[in-house]
C-alpha atoms as a PDB file:
ATOM      1  CA  MET A   1      24.059   3.804   7.390  1.00  0.00           C
ATOM      2  CA  LEU A   2      22.791   3.412   3.712  1.00  0.00           C
ATOM      3  CA  ASP A   3      25.042   4.933   1.021  1.00  0.00           C
ATOM      4  CA  LYS A   4      23.537   7.185  -1.482  1.00  0.00           C
ATOM      5  CA  GLU A   5      23.003   4.635  -3.925  1.00  0.00           C
ATOM      6  CA  THR A   6      20.925   2.262  -1.489  1.00  0.00           C
ATOM      7  CA  THR A   7      19.288   5.151  -0.344  1.00  0.00           C
ATOM      8  CA  PHE A   8      18.261   6.272  -3.535  1.00  0.00           C
ATOM      9  CA  MET A   9      17.228   2.625  -4.373  1.00  0.00           C
ATOM     10  CA  PHE A  10      15.037   2.635  -1.096  1.00  0.00           C
ATOM     11  CA  ARG A  11      13.221   5.786  -1.797  1.00  0.00           C
ATOM     12  CA  LYS A  12      12.521   4.464  -5.239  1.00  0.00           C
ATOM     13  CA  MET A  13      10.916   1.354  -4.184  1.00  0.00           C
ATOM     14  CA  THR A  14       9.145   3.171  -1.184  1.00  0.00           C
ATOM     15  CA  LEU A  15       7.450   5.620  -3.833  1.00  0.00           C
ATOM     16  CA  MET A  16       6.686   2.812  -6.302  1.00  0.00           C
ATOM     17  CA  PHE A  17       4.852   1.177  -3.433  1.00  0.00           C
ATOM     18  CA  ALA A  18       3.189   4.168  -2.042  1.00  0.00           C
ATOM     19  CA  GLY A  19       2.099   4.930  -5.598  1.00  0.00           C
ATOM     20  CA  LEU A  20       0.427   1.639  -5.850  1.00  0.00           C
ATOM     21  CA  ALA A  21      -1.666   1.952  -2.627  1.00  0.00           C
ATOM     22  CA  LEU A  22      -2.695   5.502  -3.816  1.00  0.00           C
ATOM     23  CA  THR A  23      -3.627   4.009  -6.981  1.00  0.00           C
ATOM     24  CA  LEU A  24      -6.471   2.198  -5.055  1.00  0.00           C
ATOM     25  CA  SER A  25      -8.064   5.508  -4.444  1.00  0.00           C
ATOM     26  CA  ALA A  26      -6.909   7.777  -7.303  1.00  0.00           C
ATOM     27  CA  ALA A  27     -10.104   7.202  -9.619  1.00  0.00           C
ATOM     28  CA  CYS A  28     -12.042   8.658  -6.668  1.00  0.00           C
ATOM     29  CA  GLY A  29      -9.607  11.270  -5.644  1.00  0.00           C
ATOM     30  CA  SER A  30      -9.588  15.025  -6.857  1.00  0.00           C
ATOM     31  CA  GLY A  31      -5.609  15.313  -6.950  1.00  0.00           C
ATOM     32  CA  THR A  32      -2.413  13.824  -8.380  1.00  0.00           C
ATOM     33  CA  THR A  33      -0.239  14.260  -5.623  1.00  0.00           C
ATOM     34  CA  GLY A  34       0.868  12.482  -2.400  1.00  0.00           C
ATOM     35  CA  ALA A  35       0.821  13.490   1.029  1.00  0.00           C
ATOM     36  CA  ALA A  36       4.412  15.080   0.792  1.00  0.00           C
ATOM     37  CA  GLY A  37       3.666  16.458  -3.004  1.00  0.00           C
ATOM     38  CA  THR A  38       5.323  13.198  -4.548  1.00  0.00           C
ATOM     39  CA  PRO A  39       3.543  12.694  -8.050  1.00  0.00           C
ATOM     40  CA  THR A  40       1.716   9.458  -8.394  1.00  0.00           C
ATOM     41  CA  PRO A  41       3.256   6.852 -10.984  1.00  0.00           C
ATOM     42  CA  ALA A  42       2.432   6.949 -14.570  1.00  0.00           C
ATOM     43  CA  THR A  43       0.646   3.513 -14.181  1.00  0.00           C
ATOM     44  CA  SER A  44      -1.921   5.357 -11.877  1.00  0.00           C
ATOM     45  CA  PRO A  45      -5.305   5.854 -13.267  1.00  0.00           C
ATOM     46  CA  SER A  46      -6.554   9.535 -13.957  1.00  0.00           C
ATOM     47  CA  PRO A  47      -9.310  10.655 -11.623  1.00  0.00           C
ATOM     48  CA  SER A  48     -12.688  10.018 -12.623  1.00  0.00           C
ATOM     49  CA  PRO A  49     -14.198  13.411 -13.893  1.00  0.00           C
ATOM     50  CA  THR A  50     -17.544  12.421 -12.061  1.00  0.00           C
ATOM     51  CA  ALA A  51     -16.526  10.562  -8.711  1.00  0.00           C
ATOM     52  CA  SER A  52     -15.695  12.048  -5.713  1.00  0.00           C
ATOM     53  CA  ALA A  53     -14.250  10.766  -2.589  1.00  0.00           C
ATOM     54  CA  VAL A  54     -16.306   9.363   0.161  1.00  0.00           C
ATOM     55  CA  PRO A  55     -15.090  10.265   3.767  1.00  0.00           C
ATOM     56  CA  VAL A  56     -13.471   7.262   5.425  1.00  0.00           C
ATOM     57  CA  SER A  57     -14.821   6.528   8.994  1.00  0.00           C
ATOM     58  CA  TYR A  58     -12.095   3.788   9.753  1.00  0.00           C
ATOM     59  CA  GLU A  59      -8.449   4.958  11.094  1.00  0.00           C
ATOM     60  CA  PRO A  60      -5.736   3.002   9.529  1.00  0.00           C
ATOM     61  CA  CYS A  61      -3.597   3.070  12.809  1.00  0.00           C
ATOM     62  CA  THR A  62      -6.511   1.136  14.253  1.00  0.00           C
ATOM     63  CA  LEU A  63      -7.066  -1.278  11.477  1.00  0.00           C
ATOM     64  CA  VAL A  64      -3.511  -2.358  11.831  1.00  0.00           C
ATOM     65  CA  THR A  65      -2.215  -1.621  15.215  1.00  0.00           C
ATOM     66  CA  VAL A  66       1.453  -0.812  16.395  1.00  0.00           C
ATOM     67  CA  GLN A  67       1.793  -4.154  17.697  1.00  0.00           C
ATOM     68  CA  GLU A  68       0.511  -6.010  14.461  1.00  0.00           C
ATOM     69  CA  ALA A  69       2.694  -3.820  12.288  1.00  0.00           C
ATOM     70  CA  SER A  70       5.429  -4.975  14.574  1.00  0.00           C
ATOM     71  CA  SER A  71       4.625  -8.309  14.441  1.00  0.00           C
ATOM     72  CA  LEU A  72       4.489  -8.457  10.614  1.00  0.00           C
ATOM     73  CA  THR A  73       8.023  -7.040  10.278  1.00  0.00           C
ATOM     74  CA  GLY A  74       9.721  -8.269  13.153  1.00  0.00           C
ATOM     75  CA  LEU A  75      10.612  -4.531  14.224  1.00  0.00           C
ATOM     76  CA  ASN A  76      10.164  -2.409  17.239  1.00  0.00           C
ATOM     77  CA  TYR A  77       7.687   0.550  15.750  1.00  0.00           C
ATOM     78  CA  GLY A  78       6.811   3.727  17.318  1.00  0.00           C
ATOM     79  CA  ALA A  79       3.191   4.972  17.038  1.00  0.00           C
ATOM     80  CA  GLY A  80       2.056   5.512  13.596  1.00  0.00           C
ATOM     81  CA  VAL A  81       1.734   8.745  12.083  1.00  0.00           C
ATOM     82  CA  ASP A  82      -1.670   9.558  10.204  1.00  0.00           C
ATOM     83  CA  THR A  83      -1.948  11.499   6.823  1.00  0.00           C
ATOM     84  CA  VAL A  84      -4.726  11.857   4.138  1.00  0.00           C
ATOM     85  CA  ALA A  85      -4.184  12.232   0.615  1.00  0.00           C
ATOM     86  CA  ASN A  86      -6.213  11.591  -2.455  1.00  0.00           C
ATOM     87  CA  GLY A  87      -9.235  10.492  -0.411  1.00  0.00           C
ATOM     88  CA  ILE A  88      -7.257   8.050   1.186  1.00  0.00           C
ATOM     89  CA  LYS A  89      -6.262   7.484   4.910  1.00  0.00           C
ATOM     90  CA  VAL A  90      -2.717   6.253   5.323  1.00  0.00           C
ATOM     91  CA  CYS A  91      -0.886   5.195   8.611  1.00  0.00           C
ATOM     92  CA  ASN A  92       2.922   5.103   8.390  1.00  0.00           C
ATOM     93  CA  TYR A  93       4.812   3.106  10.740  1.00  0.00           C
ATOM     94  CA  ARG A  94       8.523   3.649  10.336  1.00  0.00           C
ATOM     95  CA  TYR A  95      11.791   2.169  11.823  1.00  0.00           C
ATOM     96  CA  GLN A  96      14.833   4.177  11.857  1.00  0.00           C
ATOM     97  CA  THR A  97      15.575   5.004   7.899  1.00  0.00           C
ATOM     98  CA  THR A  98      15.446   1.526   6.919  1.00  0.00           C
ATOM     99  CA  ASP A  99      11.714   0.597   7.040  1.00  0.00           C
ATOM    100  CA  LEU A 100       8.472   1.610   5.999  1.00  0.00           C
ATOM    101  CA  LEU A 101       5.124   0.064   6.697  1.00  0.00           C
ATOM    102  CA  THR A 102       2.213   1.848   5.251  1.00  0.00           C
ATOM    103  CA  VAL A 103      -1.764   1.044   6.015  1.00  0.00           C
ATOM    104  CA  GLY A 104      -4.162   2.985   3.780  1.00  0.00           C
ATOM    105  CA  VAL A 105      -8.105   3.105   3.623  1.00  0.00           C
ATOM    106  CA  ALA A 106     -10.200   4.404   1.268  1.00  0.00           C
ATOM    107  CA  LYS A 107     -13.900   4.188   0.173  1.00  0.00           C
ATOM    108  CA  ALA A 108     -15.693   4.399  -3.517  1.00  0.00           C
ATOM    109  CA  PRO A 109     -18.878   6.579  -3.610  1.00  0.00           C
ATOM    110  CA  ASP A 110     -20.572   3.440  -5.347  1.00  0.00           C
ATOM    111  CA  LEU A 111     -20.128  -0.359  -6.028  1.00  0.00           C
ATOM    112  CA  ALA A 112     -19.710   0.435  -9.907  1.00  0.00           C
ATOM    113  CA  THR A 113     -16.688   2.977  -9.262  1.00  0.00           C
ATOM    114  CA  ALA A 114     -15.394   0.409  -6.785  1.00  0.00           C
ATOM    115  CA  GLN A 115     -15.292  -2.077  -9.469  1.00  0.00           C
ATOM    116  CA  ALA A 116     -13.473   0.091 -11.950  1.00  0.00           C
ATOM    117  CA  VAL A 117     -11.169   1.334  -9.561  1.00  0.00           C
ATOM    118  CA  GLU A 118     -10.202  -2.346  -8.521  1.00  0.00           C
ATOM    119  CA  ALA A 119      -9.645  -3.222 -12.220  1.00  0.00           C
ATOM    120  CA  GLN A 120      -7.507  -0.175 -12.835  1.00  0.00           C
ATOM    121  CA  ALA A 121      -5.373  -0.925  -9.477  1.00  0.00           C
ATOM    122  CA  LEU A 122      -4.638  -4.823 -10.601  1.00  0.00           C
ATOM    123  CA  ALA A 123      -3.438  -3.156 -14.125  1.00  0.00           C
ATOM    124  CA  ALA A 124      -1.026  -0.922 -12.471  1.00  0.00           C
ATOM    125  CA  LEU A 125       0.035  -3.944 -10.205  1.00  0.00           C
ATOM    126  CA  GLN A 126       0.395  -6.255 -13.262  1.00  0.00           C
ATOM    127  CA  ASN A 127       2.193  -3.508 -15.124  1.00  0.00           C
ATOM    128  CA  GLY A 128       4.700  -3.311 -11.653  1.00  0.00           C
ATOM    129  CA  ALA A 129       5.375  -7.130 -12.454  1.00  0.00           C
ATOM    130  CA  ASN A 130       7.173  -6.025 -15.958  1.00  0.00           C
ATOM    131  CA  ASN A 131       9.528  -4.345 -13.312  1.00  0.00           C
ATOM    132  CA  GLY A 132      10.289  -7.109 -11.196  1.00  0.00           C
ATOM    133  CA  LEU A 133       7.211  -7.298  -8.758  1.00  0.00           C
ATOM    134  CA  SER A 134       5.717 -10.886  -8.153  1.00  0.00           C
ATOM    135  CA  VAL A 135       1.815 -10.150  -8.540  1.00  0.00           C
ATOM    136  CA  THR A 136      -0.680 -12.890  -7.336  1.00  0.00           C
ATOM    137  CA  GLN A 137      -4.677 -12.433  -7.075  1.00  0.00           C
ATOM    138  CA  LEU A 138      -6.010 -14.178  -3.870  1.00  0.00           C
ATOM    139  CA  GLN A 139      -9.217 -16.112  -3.467  1.00  0.00           C
ATOM    140  CA  GLY A 140     -11.289 -15.790  -0.028  1.00  0.00           C
ATOM    141  CA  VAL A 141      -9.710 -12.387   0.896  1.00  0.00           C
ATOM    142  CA  GLY A 142     -12.683 -10.006   0.840  1.00  0.00           C
ATOM    143  CA  ASP A 143     -14.125  -9.387  -2.702  1.00  0.00           C
ATOM    144  CA  ALA A 144     -10.782  -9.096  -4.355  1.00  0.00           C
ATOM    145  CA  ALA A 145      -7.341  -8.888  -3.098  1.00  0.00           C
ATOM    146  CA  VAL A 146      -3.986  -9.108  -4.785  1.00  0.00           C
ATOM    147  CA  LEU A 147      -0.643  -9.700  -3.194  1.00  0.00           C
ATOM    148  CA  ALA A 148       2.565  -8.126  -4.433  1.00  0.00           C
ATOM    149  CA  GLN A 149       6.375  -9.039  -3.668  1.00  0.00           C
ATOM    150  CA  GLY A 150       9.847  -7.849  -4.737  1.00  0.00           C
ATOM    151  CA  SER A 151      13.325  -6.886  -4.035  1.00  0.00           C
ATOM    152  CA  GLU A 152      16.268  -5.033  -5.581  1.00  0.00           C
ATOM    153  CA  SER A 153      19.733  -5.410  -4.330  1.00  0.00           C
ATOM    154  CA  SER A 154      22.572  -2.936  -4.684  1.00  0.00           C
ATOM    155  CA  SER A 155      25.903  -2.067  -3.074  1.00  0.00           C
ATOM    156  CA  GLY A 156      25.321  -5.119  -0.652  1.00  0.00           C
ATOM    157  CA  VAL A 157      21.898  -3.814   0.288  1.00  0.00           C
ATOM    158  CA  THR A 158      18.787  -5.849  -0.371  1.00  0.00           C
ATOM    159  CA  VAL A 159      15.460  -3.516  -0.465  1.00  0.00           C
ATOM    160  CA  THR A 160      12.430  -5.957  -0.122  1.00  0.00           C
ATOM    161  CA  LEU A 161       8.791  -5.052  -0.657  1.00  0.00           C
ATOM    162  CA  ALA A 162       5.583  -6.939   0.244  1.00  0.00           C
ATOM    163  CA  GLY A 163       2.149  -5.691   0.205  1.00  0.00           C
ATOM    164  CA  ILE A 164      -1.689  -6.847  -0.116  1.00  0.00           C
ATOM    165  CA  TYR A 165      -4.458  -4.827  -1.818  1.00  0.00           C
ATOM    166  CA  VAL A 166      -8.034  -5.715  -0.555  1.00  0.00           C
ATOM    167  CA  LEU A 167     -11.575  -4.840  -1.852  1.00  0.00           C
ATOM    168  CA  LYS A 168     -14.425  -5.410   0.438  1.00  0.00           C
ATOM    169  CA  GLY A 169     -18.036  -3.822  -1.185  1.00  0.00           C
ATOM    170  CA  THR A 170     -17.116  -0.191  -1.571  1.00  0.00           C
ATOM    171  CA  THR A 171     -13.971  -0.094   0.727  1.00  0.00           C
ATOM    172  CA  PHE A 172     -10.371  -0.447  -0.448  1.00  0.00           C
ATOM    173  CA  PHE A 173      -7.362  -1.156   2.042  1.00  0.00           C
ATOM    174  CA  GLY A 174      -3.562  -1.870   1.606  1.00  0.00           C
ATOM    175  CA  ILE A 175      -0.908  -2.958   3.824  1.00  0.00           C
ATOM    176  CA  ALA A 176       2.511  -2.576   2.377  1.00  0.00           C
ATOM    177  CA  ASP A 177       6.288  -2.965   3.761  1.00  0.00           C
ATOM    178  CA  VAL A 178       9.344  -1.377   1.953  1.00  0.00           C
ATOM    179  CA  GLY A 179      12.730  -2.114   4.111  1.00  0.00           C
ATOM    180  CA  ALA A 180      16.264  -2.942   3.734  1.00  0.00           C
ATOM    181  CA  ASN A 181      18.336  -5.862   4.847  1.00  0.00           C
ATOM    182  CA  HIS A 182      15.726  -7.591   6.659  1.00  0.00           C
ATOM    183  CA  THR A 183      12.790  -9.905   5.698  1.00  0.00           C
ATOM    184  CA  ALA A 184       9.588  -8.631   4.279  1.00  0.00           C
ATOM    185  CA  PRO A 185       6.328  -9.899   5.577  1.00  0.00           C
ATOM    186  CA  SER A 186       5.229 -13.126   4.513  1.00  0.00           C
ATOM    187  CA  ALA A 187       2.428 -13.839   2.151  1.00  0.00           C
ATOM    188  CA  ALA A 188       0.784 -15.832   4.818  1.00  0.00           C
ATOM    189  CA  SER A 189       1.106 -13.268   7.461  1.00  0.00           C
ATOM    190  CA  LEU A 190      -0.012 -10.629   5.055  1.00  0.00           C
ATOM    191  CA  GLN A 191      -3.261 -12.408   4.173  1.00  0.00           C
ATOM    192  CA  ALA A 192      -3.803 -13.484   7.945  1.00  0.00           C
ATOM    193  CA  GLN A 193      -3.553  -9.546   8.883  1.00  0.00           C
ATOM    194  CA  ALA A 194      -5.762  -8.418   5.971  1.00  0.00           C
ATOM    195  CA  MET A 195      -8.572 -11.003   7.373  1.00  0.00           C
ATOM    196  CA  THR A 196      -7.749  -9.178  10.889  1.00  0.00           C
ATOM    197  CA  VAL A 197      -8.565  -5.828   8.861  1.00  0.00           C
ATOM    198  CA  LEU A 198     -11.300  -7.170   7.114  1.00  0.00           C
ATOM    199  CA  SER A 199     -13.058  -8.159  10.925  1.00  0.00           C
ATOM    200  CA  ARG A 200     -12.922  -4.569  11.578  1.00  0.00           C
ATOM    201  CA  LEU A 201     -14.520  -2.900   8.719  1.00  0.00           C
END
């Protein structure tokens, strides 16, 4: 069982990565809170006054299946839970209280908006690099892709995080994992899973 300090650290990093995922659709959304009313981080761009979110037909729990999610982390997840927030569809896979793997997908109304949101999301991720995230732009994955990884230790517990965020045309998706005391998905496995998702779009 995690102590209070470690639980706080886990929640902080979970919220940070959830906020980075929501950044991908913030400029197309109409609100500034997450599914549970959690404010998006200060690094998130303000919603565009003229843009509106486009309904997404894809189901994130289908884009990354429970078997694939389990393979990414080596954990045995149950069925994912779908939510919708700020124009982004999200599937959450949880393992007890020590891991959260999130798959999000959103669609911009047009290419110009998608490119603007991509630039804002990259800026937010690079800002996260100032707080210990390793941020790498990837080539050959969709039209644009960024990998983010990081970790933080306290009271003998290490919380790791790893995620990939991809733009293809006007569609964004992200796969992010935050976990305590287990290895985060590797860059190679996240990139391979992203390619699988791209084949389903």
